[in-house]
Amino acid sequence: MSPDPQFVDLEAYPLVADEAWALQQIYGTNGKAQEIHESWLPQNLGDLDDTPPAHPTLGGVGLAYPGKRHVFSGPQESAKTLAAYVVALEEIRAGETVVLLDFEMGPWDAKTRLREMGATQDELSSLLYVAPDRGASPAAIGSLIASRPSLVVLDATAGAFSVEGLDDNSRKDVELWSRAWIDPFRREGIATIALDHVVKNSETRGAYAIGSERKVGGVDVHIGFTTVRELSRGKSGLYRVTTHKDRGGMLKRGVLCEFAIESHPDTHSLTWEFRPAQEVQEGEKFRYTVLMEKVSRWLELQSEPQSRTKITENVTGKASALRDAIDALVTEGWLVEEIGPNRTRQVSVRRPYRQDDEQVRPSPSQSVPAEGVPAVRPPVPPLQGEDGGWNGHEGPRTDPTPSRDDIEF
């Protein structure tokens, strides 16, 4: 039977409201076709030129990639700022321009630190120092891009979030911040190193910077810094550098290297070396030198021997690591252990332990050396000459603030 020519299937036709909505998506409310943004136009990846794999050659120290987004994170005074300054200074010495967006040091302290690292007047002139007190406008970022830097160092992200009025615990705010502060440089092939802090509790810290996980989820490389031996003026410091994330896959996973720094006892000039991490021999425990000193100092304040349980309850640190620290102190003769009431293991100080005493302990093969850190830069002259000028020849220092010996590393 032939279909009735008068019959119309209404299900095949849209409602008037549906049709109006569909037309509005295509032509907009003014009746003209809407333009599709170029970012939504498909690209043929086959038309892109093949490029060789990127290598972490930025600054020549093996930590960072040209044109990539990096996060250096760690607790306070873990040398992440110094490491970023090393990369920046080496880039400048290779003839490049570097931008420093600073919310932490201030211009005088930043200059002091760079001079201690051997920076010359010409090298300082290739560093574009900026201390923003408001958000990043396209014009401001564009002016920095126009200087064609190879690297932008941001010290630190907390200050950059603050001037934007954004919350670094919010995924949405982190994405908005990254689009304004990081992505414009990335699109132009300019590397970024954002310095960030970690949560205070080392046991719950994990591999993340403080705040939303998107702060490191949206970058190419995340490097963590931890203190082995804290640097102070006139002494040496040692820091462990760990690869938490590396999209390029060229960095060694886990412990990447050690960052050894030495401060000259008279001039306070800094020399440094990134060197392979010392391997722990099979069957040999890692030396928790920071905890070893904490345990010794606490026991020195006690009037009688203390049990291991008391030590782990009163000294800050992971219990298992504290037990290893106590074992090392007893084995090496810093502590004396004896059996106390109820057969508890009682510990007392035989000889106070300090990290600076590492060179005199009985088994030096089990830890990193405390002295003799090799230098990659020759010592620089004292910062001030007899007339108070920088290195004795650049005229008087006009720093309106008093000199400081407590600048964080």
Protein backbone atom coordinates (compact mmCIF):
# COMPACT_ATOMS: atom_id res chain seq x y z
CA MET A 1 0.00 0.00 0.00
CA SER A 2 1.47 3.39 -1.00
CA PRO A 3 2.02 5.94 1.76
CA ASP A 4 -0.61 8.61 2.19
CA PRO A 5 0.81 11.76 0.50
CA GLN A 6 -1.00 13.90 3.07
CA PHE A 7 0.70 12.19 6.05
CA VAL A 8 3.61 14.09 7.70
CA ASP A 9 5.87 12.48 10.36
CA LEU A 10 6.21 15.28 12.91
CA GLU A 11 8.94 13.40 14.82
CA ALA A 12 11.31 14.12 11.92
CA TYR A 13 11.01 17.86 12.43
CA PRO A 14 12.53 19.85 15.30
CA LEU A 15 10.45 21.97 17.58
CA VAL A 16 10.49 25.68 16.88
CA ALA A 17 12.50 26.25 20.11
CA ASP A 18 15.02 23.59 19.12
CA GLU A 19 15.46 25.09 15.69
CA ALA A 20 15.92 28.58 17.11
CA TRP A 21 18.58 27.30 19.53
CA ALA A 22 20.46 25.50 16.76
CA LEU A 23 20.46 28.55 14.50
CA GLN A 24 21.66 30.74 17.35
CA GLN A 25 24.68 28.46 17.87
CA ILE A 26 25.58 28.80 14.19
CA TYR A 27 24.74 32.42 13.46
CA GLY A 28 24.67 34.07 16.89
CA THR A 29 21.99 36.39 18.23
CA ASN A 30 22.63 38.99 15.52
CA GLY A 31 21.98 36.59 12.68
CA LYS A 32 25.62 36.45 11.53
CA ALA A 33 27.73 33.31 11.56
CA GLN A 34 30.04 33.10 14.63
CA GLU A 35 33.76 32.84 13.99
CA ILE A 36 35.47 29.75 15.40
CA HIS A 37 38.65 30.61 17.30
CA GLU A 38 41.78 29.30 15.65
CA SER A 39 42.66 27.26 18.73
CA TRP A 40 39.60 25.11 17.96
CA LEU A 41 40.63 24.40 14.37
CA PRO A 42 42.09 20.87 13.97
CA GLN A 43 45.77 20.60 13.12
CA ASN A 44 47.37 17.96 10.97
CA LEU A 45 50.25 16.67 13.08
CA GLY A 46 51.74 15.10 9.98
CA ASP A 47 52.44 18.59 8.63
CA LEU A 48 54.55 19.56 11.66
CA ASP A 49 58.31 19.39 11.30
CA ASP A 50 60.00 16.57 13.18
CA THR A 51 62.15 17.83 16.05
CA PRO A 52 64.86 15.97 17.96
CA PRO A 53 64.17 15.12 21.61
CA ALA A 54 64.89 17.99 23.99
CA HIS A 55 67.73 17.61 26.48
CA PRO A 56 68.15 19.41 29.85
CA THR A 57 70.88 21.74 28.57
CA LEU A 58 69.61 25.04 30.01
CA GLY A 59 72.48 26.64 31.91
CA GLY A 60 74.65 23.60 31.29
CA VAL A 61 74.00 22.09 34.73
CA GLY A 62 71.66 19.27 33.71
CA LEU A 63 68.53 20.36 35.59
CA ALA A 64 66.36 22.27 33.10
CA TYR A 65 65.22 22.17 29.48
CA PRO A 66 65.21 25.13 27.07
CA GLY A 67 61.68 26.43 26.55
CA LYS A 68 60.05 24.16 29.14
CA ARG A 69 58.08 24.84 32.33
CA HIS A 70 59.85 23.89 35.58
CA VAL A 71 59.01 23.90 39.28
CA PHE A 72 61.80 23.83 41.87
CA SER A 73 60.25 22.98 45.23
CA GLY A 74 61.53 22.37 48.72
CA PRO A 75 61.30 23.53 52.34
CA GLN A 76 62.78 26.83 53.45
CA GLU A 77 66.55 27.16 53.03
CA SER A 78 66.83 24.06 50.84
CA ALA A 79 68.91 25.91 48.19
CA LYS A 80 66.24 25.92 45.48
CA THR A 81 66.73 29.67 44.96
CA LEU A 82 70.49 29.22 44.71
CA ALA A 83 70.03 26.43 42.16
CA ALA A 84 67.77 28.66 40.04
CA TYR A 85 70.30 31.50 40.31
CA VAL A 86 73.03 29.11 39.12
CA VAL A 87 71.01 28.19 36.02
CA ALA A 88 70.25 31.88 35.40
CA LEU A 89 73.86 32.97 35.84
CA GLU A 90 75.16 30.25 33.53
CA GLU A 91 72.61 31.27 30.89
CA ILE A 92 73.80 34.87 31.14
CA ARG A 93 77.42 33.72 30.82
CA ALA A 94 76.37 31.93 27.62
CA GLY A 95 75.23 35.30 26.21
CA GLU A 96 71.52 35.06 27.03
CA THR A 97 69.14 37.43 28.81
CA VAL A 98 67.30 36.27 31.94
CA VAL A 99 64.24 37.72 33.69
CA LEU A 100 63.93 37.48 37.50
CA LEU A 101 60.41 38.05 38.85
CA ASP A 102 61.17 38.51 42.54
CA PHE A 103 58.74 38.46 45.47
CA GLU A 104 61.21 37.14 48.05
CA MET A 105 64.73 38.60 48.13
CA GLY A 106 64.44 42.26 47.18
CA PRO A 107 66.89 43.96 44.78
CA TRP A 108 69.76 44.48 47.23
CA ASP A 109 69.76 40.96 48.62
CA ALA A 110 69.38 39.50 45.13
CA LYS A 111 72.37 41.52 43.94
CA THR A 112 74.39 40.53 47.00
CA ARG A 113 73.71 36.88 46.42
CA LEU A 114 74.62 37.09 42.72
CA ARG A 115 77.82 38.99 43.52
CA GLU A 116 78.74 36.29 46.03
CA MET A 117 78.25 33.83 43.17
CA GLY A 118 80.77 35.77 41.09
CA ALA A 119 78.45 37.82 38.87
CA THR A 120 80.17 40.76 37.18
CA GLN A 121 78.65 44.16 36.49
CA ASP A 122 78.11 43.22 32.82
CA GLU A 123 76.45 39.95 33.82
CA LEU A 124 74.12 41.76 36.22
CA SER A 125 73.16 44.06 33.34
CA SER A 126 71.86 41.02 31.40
CA LEU A 127 69.49 40.18 34.24
CA LEU A 128 66.12 41.94 33.99
CA TYR A 129 65.05 42.29 37.61
CA VAL A 130 61.32 42.87 38.22
CA ALA A 131 59.52 43.12 41.59
CA PRO A 132 55.79 43.20 40.69
CA ASP A 133 53.29 44.63 43.14
CA ARG A 134 50.23 43.91 40.99
CA GLY A 135 48.91 41.28 38.59
CA ALA A 136 50.40 40.27 35.26
CA SER A 137 48.85 42.24 32.39
CA PRO A 138 49.32 41.13 28.77
CA ALA A 139 51.24 44.36 28.15
CA ALA A 140 53.63 43.72 31.05
CA ILE A 141 54.29 40.12 30.03
CA GLY A 142 54.60 41.18 26.40
CA SER A 143 57.29 43.73 27.26
CA LEU A 144 59.35 41.02 28.96
CA ILE A 145 58.90 38.67 26.02
CA ALA A 146 60.08 41.45 23.70
CA SER A 147 63.48 41.39 25.47
CA ARG A 148 63.89 37.80 24.18
CA PRO A 149 65.06 36.10 27.39
CA SER A 150 65.96 32.42 27.38
CA LEU A 151 64.74 31.98 30.95
CA VAL A 152 62.28 33.51 33.42
CA VAL A 153 62.81 32.74 37.13
CA LEU A 154 59.82 33.33 39.41
CA ASP A 155 60.70 33.57 43.11
CA ALA A 156 58.26 32.52 44.42
CA THR A 157 54.78 31.47 43.31
CA ALA A 158 53.15 32.46 46.62
CA GLY A 159 53.85 36.13 45.91
CA ALA A 160 52.60 35.88 42.34
CA PHE A 161 49.33 34.31 43.49
CA SER A 162 48.96 37.00 46.14
CA VAL A 163 49.20 39.97 43.74
CA GLU A 164 46.56 38.29 41.56
CA GLY A 165 44.26 37.67 44.52
CA LEU A 166 44.17 33.96 43.64
CA ASP A 167 44.21 30.86 45.84
CA ASP A 168 46.90 28.32 45.05
CA ASN A 169 44.75 25.62 46.68
CA SER A 170 42.09 26.09 43.98
CA ARG A 171 42.51 24.11 40.76
CA LYS A 172 40.62 26.81 38.86
CA ASP A 173 42.79 29.61 40.24
CA VAL A 174 45.98 27.67 39.48
CA GLU A 175 44.88 27.25 35.86
CA LEU A 176 44.04 30.96 35.58
CA TRP A 177 47.39 31.90 37.10
CA SER A 178 49.34 29.61 34.79
CA ARG A 179 47.64 31.07 31.72
CA ALA A 180 48.67 34.57 32.75
CA TRP A 181 52.15 33.99 34.17
CA ILE A 182 53.57 30.86 32.49
CA ASP A 183 51.82 30.07 29.19
CA PRO A 184 52.77 33.31 27.36
CA PHE A 185 56.48 32.53 27.87
CA ARG A 186 55.98 28.90 26.89
CA ARG A 187 54.35 29.87 23.60
CA GLU A 188 57.42 31.93 22.76
CA GLY A 189 59.87 29.13 23.60
CA ILE A 190 61.07 30.78 26.83
CA ALA A 191 61.86 28.48 29.75
CA THR A 192 60.39 29.19 33.18
CA ILE A 193 61.51 28.10 36.65
CA ALA A 194 58.89 28.73 39.34
CA LEU A 195 60.14 28.33 42.91
CA ASP A 196 57.64 26.87 45.34
CA HIS A 197 57.44 25.71 48.92
CA VAL A 198 56.25 22.36 50.25
CA VAL A 199 54.11 21.45 53.23
CA LYS A 200 55.99 21.50 56.53
CA ASN A 201 55.28 17.89 57.50
CA SER A 202 57.90 15.82 55.67
CA GLU A 203 55.95 12.61 56.25
CA THR A 204 52.87 13.87 54.37
CA ARG A 205 54.72 16.02 51.86
CA GLY A 206 55.03 13.48 49.04
CA ALA A 207 56.19 14.75 45.67
CA TYR A 208 53.99 17.85 45.55
CA ALA A 209 54.49 21.53 46.07
CA ILE A 210 52.18 23.23 48.54
CA GLY A 211 48.64 23.91 47.26
CA SER A 212 46.73 22.31 44.41
CA GLU A 213 48.39 19.43 42.56
CA ARG A 214 47.81 21.39 39.32
CA LYS A 215 50.80 23.59 40.23
CA VAL A 216 53.04 20.69 39.23
CA GLY A 217 50.55 18.78 37.08
CA GLY A 218 50.63 21.56 34.50
CA VAL A 219 54.43 21.80 34.17
CA ASP A 220 57.00 19.76 32.28
CA VAL A 221 59.55 19.24 35.07
CA HIS A 222 59.32 19.18 38.86
CA ILE A 223 62.59 19.09 40.81
CA GLY A 224 62.65 18.75 44.61
CA PHE A 225 65.37 19.96 47.00
CA THR A 226 66.10 18.61 50.47
CA THR A 227 68.82 19.53 52.95
CA VAL A 228 71.60 17.11 53.81
CA ARG A 229 73.87 19.68 55.47
CA GLU A 230 72.64 23.26 55.83
CA LEU A 231 74.77 26.01 54.31
CA SER A 232 75.91 28.88 56.50
CA ARG A 233 78.34 31.71 55.84
CA GLY A 234 81.93 30.54 55.80
CA LYS A 235 80.99 26.85 55.70
CA SER A 236 79.82 24.25 53.19
CA GLY A 237 76.34 22.97 52.50
CA LEU A 238 74.97 19.91 50.75
CA TYR A 239 71.52 19.38 49.22
CA ARG A 240 69.85 16.41 47.58
CA VAL A 241 68.13 17.03 44.23
CA THR A 242 65.26 14.69 43.27
CA THR A 243 63.35 14.29 40.02
CA HIS A 244 59.63 14.21 40.83
CA LYS A 245 58.42 14.70 37.27
CA ASP A 246 60.05 14.85 33.84
CA ARG A 247 57.92 14.71 30.71
CA GLY A 248 61.03 14.76 28.54
CA GLY A 249 62.34 11.62 30.23
CA MET A 250 65.99 12.71 30.06
CA LEU A 251 66.52 13.32 33.78
CA LYS A 252 67.50 10.50 36.10
CA ARG A 253 64.50 9.39 38.13
CA GLY A 254 64.64 9.46 41.90
CA VAL A 255 67.71 11.16 43.37
CA LEU A 256 69.11 13.14 40.43
CA CYS A 257 72.28 14.58 41.95
CA GLU A 258 73.77 16.44 44.90
CA PHE A 259 74.13 20.21 45.01
CA ALA A 260 77.32 21.01 46.93
CA ILE A 261 78.01 24.64 47.90
CA GLU A 262 80.90 26.21 49.77
CA SER A 263 80.98 29.70 51.29
CA HIS A 264 84.46 31.23 51.60
CA PRO A 265 85.23 31.88 55.29
CA ASP A 266 86.47 35.44 54.66
CA THR A 267 84.76 36.79 51.52
CA HIS A 268 81.57 34.67 51.69
CA SER A 269 81.94 34.09 47.95
CA LEU A 270 80.08 30.98 46.83
CA THR A 271 81.36 28.08 44.74
CA TRP A 272 79.23 25.10 43.79
CA GLU A 273 79.01 21.78 42.04
CA PHE A 274 76.21 19.54 40.85
CA ARG A 275 77.63 16.06 41.28
CA PRO A 276 76.32 12.50 41.09
CA ALA A 277 74.52 11.44 44.25
CA GLN A 278 76.61 9.25 46.48
CA GLU A 279 75.48 5.69 46.16
CA VAL A 280 74.67 3.75 49.31
CA GLN A 281 76.43 0.41 49.23
CA GLU A 282 74.32 -2.73 49.41
CA GLY A 283 73.47 -3.52 53.01
CA GLU A 284 74.41 0.00 54.13
CA LYS A 285 71.79 2.36 55.56
CA PHE A 286 71.33 5.96 54.49
CA ARG A 287 72.85 8.43 56.98
CA TYR A 288 70.29 10.84 58.43
CA THR A 289 72.86 13.43 59.47
CA VAL A 290 70.26 16.14 60.17
CA LEU A 291 68.36 13.82 62.52
CA MET A 292 71.60 12.58 64.06
CA GLU A 293 72.41 16.13 65.14
CA LYS A 294 68.85 16.67 66.42
CA VAL A 295 69.05 13.50 68.52
CA SER A 296 72.45 14.49 69.93
CA ARG A 297 71.33 18.00 70.83
CA TRP A 298 68.20 16.73 72.59
CA LEU A 299 70.13 14.14 74.58
CA GLU A 300 72.69 16.76 75.60
CA LEU A 301 69.91 18.59 77.44
CA GLN A 302 68.87 15.51 79.44
CA SER A 303 70.31 14.82 82.92
CA GLU A 304 70.14 11.03 82.55
CA PRO A 305 70.07 8.36 79.82
CA GLN A 306 66.90 8.17 77.75
CA SER A 307 65.13 5.27 76.08
CA ARG A 308 64.83 5.06 72.31
CA THR A 309 61.07 5.43 72.67
CA LYS A 310 61.51 8.72 74.55
CA ILE A 311 63.81 9.99 71.82
CA THR A 312 61.37 9.20 68.99
CA GLU A 313 58.56 10.84 70.98
CA ASN A 314 60.46 14.07 71.65
CA VAL A 315 62.63 14.63 68.57
CA THR A 316 60.87 15.79 65.42
CA GLY A 317 61.22 13.33 62.56
CA LYS A 318 59.96 10.07 61.16
CA ALA A 319 60.28 7.33 63.80
CA SER A 320 62.00 4.82 61.50
CA ALA A 321 64.52 7.45 60.36
CA LEU A 322 65.18 8.49 63.97
CA ARG A 323 65.88 4.87 64.91
CA ASP A 324 68.39 4.64 62.04
CA ALA A 325 69.99 7.89 63.23
CA ILE A 326 70.32 6.51 66.77
CA ASP A 327 71.85 3.28 65.43
CA ALA A 328 74.47 5.26 63.48
CA LEU A 329 75.34 7.42 66.49
CA VAL A 330 75.77 4.37 68.71
CA THR A 331 77.75 2.40 66.12
CA GLU A 332 80.12 5.29 65.49
CA GLY A 333 80.70 6.01 69.17
CA TRP A 334 78.84 9.32 69.53
CA LEU A 335 76.29 7.76 71.89
CA VAL A 336 76.57 5.12 74.60
CA GLU A 337 73.81 2.53 74.94
CA GLU A 338 73.19 0.36 77.99
CA ILE A 339 70.42 -1.81 79.35
CA GLY A 340 68.17 0.05 81.79
CA PRO A 341 65.15 -0.81 83.95
CA ASN A 342 62.85 -3.46 82.48
CA ARG A 343 65.60 -4.23 79.96
CA THR A 344 64.98 -0.99 78.04
CA ARG A 345 67.77 0.32 75.84
CA GLN A 346 68.99 3.55 77.45
CA VAL A 347 71.06 6.02 75.43
CA SER A 348 73.30 8.88 76.57
CA VAL A 349 75.82 11.20 74.91
CA ARG A 350 79.44 10.14 74.84
CA ARG A 351 80.54 12.87 72.48
CA PRO A 352 78.23 15.59 71.00
CA TYR A 353 77.57 15.06 67.30
CA ARG A 354 77.41 17.87 64.73
CA GLN A 355 77.13 17.58 60.97
CA ASP A 356 80.37 19.56 60.71
CA ASP A 357 82.07 16.66 62.55
CA GLU A 358 81.48 14.29 59.63
CA GLN A 359 85.14 14.33 58.60
CA VAL A 360 86.30 12.90 61.95
CA ARG A 361 83.88 10.03 62.34
CA PRO A 362 85.25 6.46 62.26
CA SER A 363 83.59 5.38 58.97
CA PRO A 364 83.88 8.22 56.43
CA SER A 365 82.89 5.96 53.52
CA GLN A 366 79.28 5.97 54.71
CA SER A 367 78.54 9.64 54.17
CA VAL A 368 79.31 12.60 51.96
CA PRO A 369 82.43 14.59 52.84
CA ALA A 370 81.93 17.73 54.84
CA GLU A 371 84.88 19.62 53.45
CA GLY A 372 86.71 19.97 50.17
CA VAL A 373 83.67 20.61 47.97
CA PRO A 374 85.06 21.06 44.45
CA ALA A 375 84.42 24.47 42.91
CA VAL A 376 83.20 25.18 39.41
CA ARG A 377 83.98 28.89 39.68
CA PRO A 378 87.14 30.58 40.99
CA PRO A 379 86.74 32.57 44.20
CA VAL A 380 85.70 36.18 43.72
CA PRO A 381 87.21 39.14 45.59
CA PRO A 382 85.54 40.41 48.77
CA LEU A 383 82.25 42.19 48.21
CA GLN A 384 83.52 45.40 49.76
CA GLY A 385 86.92 47.06 49.53
CA GLU A 386 88.57 49.36 52.02
CA ASP A 387 86.48 52.29 50.81
CA GLY A 388 83.24 50.32 51.21
CA GLY A 389 82.73 49.96 47.45
CA TRP A 390 81.60 46.79 45.70
CA ASN A 391 84.79 44.73 45.18
CA GLY A 392 86.68 47.89 46.03
CA HIS A 393 86.21 49.61 42.66
CA GLU A 394 82.57 50.29 41.90
CA GLY A 395 82.02 53.19 44.24
CA PRO A 396 80.24 53.31 47.58
CA ARG A 397 77.30 51.10 48.29
CA THR A 398 74.13 53.12 48.71
CA ASP A 399 71.97 50.34 50.04
CA PRO A 400 69.40 52.06 52.28
CA THR A 401 68.99 48.87 54.31
CA PRO A 402 71.52 47.51 56.81
CA SER A 403 73.73 44.62 55.78
CA ARG A 404 72.40 41.14 56.54
CA ASP A 405 73.99 37.83 57.37
CA ASP A 406 70.71 35.91 57.49
CA ILE A 407 69.61 35.83 53.86
CA GLU A 408 67.86 32.52 53.26
CA PHE A 409 69.47 30.12 50.82
